[in-house]
Protein backbone atom coordinates (compact mmCIF):
# COMPACT_ATOMS: atom_id res chain seq x y z
CA UNK A 1 -8.44 8.08 -25.50
CA UNK A 2 -11.59 8.96 -27.36
CA UNK A 3 -13.55 10.37 -24.34
CA UNK A 4 -13.74 13.95 -23.11
CA UNK A 5 -15.91 14.78 -20.06
CA UNK A 6 -18.31 17.67 -20.36
CA UNK A 7 -18.57 20.76 -18.15
CA UNK A 8 -17.19 20.17 -14.62
CA UNK A 9 -16.84 16.40 -14.91
CA UNK A 10 -13.60 14.50 -14.37
CA UNK A 11 -12.56 11.01 -15.63
CA UNK A 12 -10.33 9.12 -13.16
CA UNK A 13 -8.54 5.81 -12.90
CA UNK A 14 -8.47 4.20 -9.48
CA UNK A 15 -5.03 3.60 -7.93
CA UNK A 16 -4.62 0.04 -6.67
CA UNK A 17 -4.41 -0.32 -2.90
CA UNK A 18 -1.68 -2.05 -1.03
CA UNK A 19 -1.67 -5.88 -0.93
CA UNK A 20 -0.69 -5.97 2.76
CA UNK A 21 -1.16 -3.95 5.88
CA UNK A 22 1.45 -1.91 7.71
CA UNK A 23 1.84 -4.84 10.12
CA UNK A 24 2.71 -7.21 7.26
CA UNK A 25 -0.60 -9.06 6.94
CA UNK A 26 -1.69 -9.82 3.37
CA UNK A 27 -5.21 -8.69 2.47
CA UNK A 28 -7.27 -11.13 0.38
CA UNK A 29 -8.95 -9.70 -2.77
CA UNK A 30 -12.45 -10.35 -1.32
CA UNK A 31 -11.69 -8.23 1.81
CA UNK A 32 -10.22 -5.21 -0.01
CA UNK A 33 -12.24 -2.02 -0.24
CA UNK A 34 -12.25 -0.12 -3.50
CA UNK A 35 -9.60 2.60 -3.18
CA UNK A 36 -10.69 6.20 -2.86
CA UNK A 37 -7.43 7.46 -4.55
CA UNK A 38 -7.22 7.98 -8.28
CA UNK A 39 -5.29 9.57 -11.13
CA UNK A 40 -7.08 12.06 -13.28
CA UNK A 41 -7.30 10.91 -16.86
CA UNK A 42 -9.25 13.75 -18.52
CA UNK A 43 -11.23 16.86 -17.43
CA UNK A 44 -14.00 18.87 -18.89
CA UNK A 45 -13.71 22.57 -19.72
CA UNK A 46 -15.32 23.68 -16.36
CA UNK A 47 -18.68 24.88 -15.13
CA UNK A 48 -20.26 28.15 -16.17
CA UNK A 49 -21.67 30.88 -13.99
CA UNK A 50 -25.20 32.26 -14.63
CA UNK A 51 -23.49 35.12 -16.57
CA UNK A 52 -21.88 32.52 -18.95
CA UNK A 53 -18.33 33.04 -17.59
CA UNK A 54 -16.31 29.84 -17.47
CA UNK A 55 -15.07 28.63 -14.04
CA UNK A 56 -11.76 26.87 -14.74
CA UNK A 57 -11.14 23.35 -13.35
CA UNK A 58 -8.91 22.97 -10.27
CA UNK A 59 -7.54 19.60 -11.39
CA UNK A 60 -5.78 18.54 -14.59
CA UNK A 61 -4.86 15.21 -16.23
CA UNK A 62 -2.09 13.44 -14.29
CA UNK A 63 -3.13 14.80 -10.86
CA UNK A 64 -3.51 12.35 -7.96
CA UNK A 65 -6.76 12.90 -6.11
CA UNK A 66 -8.78 11.63 -3.18
CA UNK A 67 -12.50 11.25 -3.58
CA UNK A 68 -15.52 10.21 -1.48
CA UNK A 69 -16.25 6.48 -1.00
CA UNK A 70 -19.61 6.62 -2.96
CA UNK A 71 -18.56 9.18 -5.52
CA UNK A 72 -18.72 8.76 -9.29
CA UNK A 73 -20.19 6.50 -11.86
CA UNK A 74 -18.23 3.47 -13.13
CA UNK A 75 -17.77 3.49 -16.94
CA UNK A 76 -15.75 1.36 -19.32
CA UNK A 77 -13.72 3.31 -21.86
CA UNK A 78 -11.53 1.47 -24.36
CA UNK A 79 -11.86 -1.68 -22.28
CA UNK A 80 -10.59 0.00 -19.10
CA UNK A 81 -12.81 0.54 -16.02
CA UNK A 82 -12.82 4.18 -14.98
CA UNK A 83 -14.93 6.60 -12.93
CA UNK A 84 -16.55 9.78 -14.02
CA UNK A 85 -17.54 12.32 -11.33
CA UNK A 86 -18.17 15.95 -10.81
CA UNK A 87 -15.15 17.99 -9.72
CA UNK A 88 -16.99 18.80 -6.44
CA UNK A 89 -16.88 15.04 -5.55
CA UNK A 90 -13.05 15.26 -5.33
CA UNK A 91 -11.95 15.91 -1.79
CA UNK A 92 -8.36 17.06 -2.52
CA UNK A 93 -5.09 16.65 -4.35
CA UNK A 94 -2.42 14.22 -3.14
CA UNK A 95 1.19 15.19 -3.00
């Protein structure tokens, strides 16, 4: 991939949600919400303190994360729809 996020930004790929509910009902495409779970594709080097010291990122490529419903900006990289967001928009790591 020819894209590297800058500073404390993270590039993620949404993980597809389940096609049916726990009760066995199938969810039509029009009723699905966009998933708030993703896989980290690429990360920036991290933010900097006022002193210039680098604050390392807490996530790395390959991590599964949970993020806020309205977080990130949709971008298309190499024909694939991805999200770019600040590390602070990530709520936590999964598993």
